[in-house]
Amino acid sequence: MINFEEELKKFHPSLEVEDAAEAIYNQDLTDVADLLIKMIVEAEEMEEKK
């Protein structure tokens, strides 16, 4: 049976929507577009060295 008092002790409120969005957007994540740009820049640099 569920012990509600114990479950309430474990409860941590979730972030508000605005706080959650800020936490997500402030992370420095690399996406596919970033990888493609890096590959193109590196390829151009290699061409310049030839």
Protein backbone atom coordinates (compact mmCIF):
# COMPACT_ATOMS: atom_id res chain seq x y z
CA MET A 1 0.00 0.00 0.00
CA ILE A 2 1.22 3.54 -0.73
CA ASN A 3 2.51 5.49 2.24
CA PHE A 4 1.54 9.03 1.29
CA GLU A 5 3.65 10.63 4.03
CA GLU A 6 6.80 8.93 2.70
CA GLU A 7 5.94 9.83 -0.88
CA LEU A 8 5.41 13.48 0.06
CA LYS A 9 8.87 13.54 1.67
CA LYS A 10 10.38 12.40 -1.66
CA PHE A 11 8.48 15.00 -3.69
CA HIS A 12 10.49 17.73 -5.43
CA PRO A 13 8.48 20.36 -7.29
CA SER A 14 9.18 20.62 -10.99
CA LEU A 15 10.60 23.77 -12.51
CA GLU A 16 8.18 26.39 -13.72
CA VAL A 17 7.85 26.49 -17.49
CA GLU A 18 9.90 29.68 -17.79
CA ASP A 19 12.65 28.32 -15.53
CA ALA A 20 12.72 25.03 -17.41
CA ALA A 21 12.96 26.81 -20.77
CA GLU A 22 15.80 28.96 -19.47
CA ALA A 23 17.66 25.92 -18.15
CA ILE A 24 17.26 24.16 -21.50
CA TYR A 25 18.26 27.11 -23.68
CA ASN A 26 21.30 27.97 -21.55
CA GLN A 27 22.91 24.60 -22.23
CA ASP A 28 25.59 24.64 -24.89
CA LEU A 29 24.49 21.77 -27.09
CA THR A 30 25.94 20.91 -30.47
CA ASP A 31 23.37 20.02 -33.10
CA VAL A 32 23.69 18.69 -36.64
CA ALA A 33 23.83 22.19 -38.14
CA ASP A 34 26.77 23.08 -35.87
CA LEU A 35 28.58 19.92 -36.93
CA LEU A 36 28.01 20.61 -40.62
CA ILE A 37 29.26 24.19 -40.30
CA LYS A 38 32.38 22.96 -38.50
CA MET A 39 33.03 20.35 -41.20
CA ILE A 40 32.64 22.93 -43.98
CA VAL A 41 34.98 25.39 -42.25
CA GLU A 42 37.58 22.67 -41.71
CA ALA A 43 37.29 21.53 -45.33
CA GLU A 44 37.76 25.11 -46.55
CA GLU A 45 40.81 25.53 -44.32
CA MET A 46 42.32 22.34 -45.72
CA GLU A 47 41.72 23.58 -49.29
CA GLU A 48 43.45 26.88 -48.48
CA LYS A 49 46.52 25.03 -47.20
CA LYS A 50 46.94 23.12 -50.51
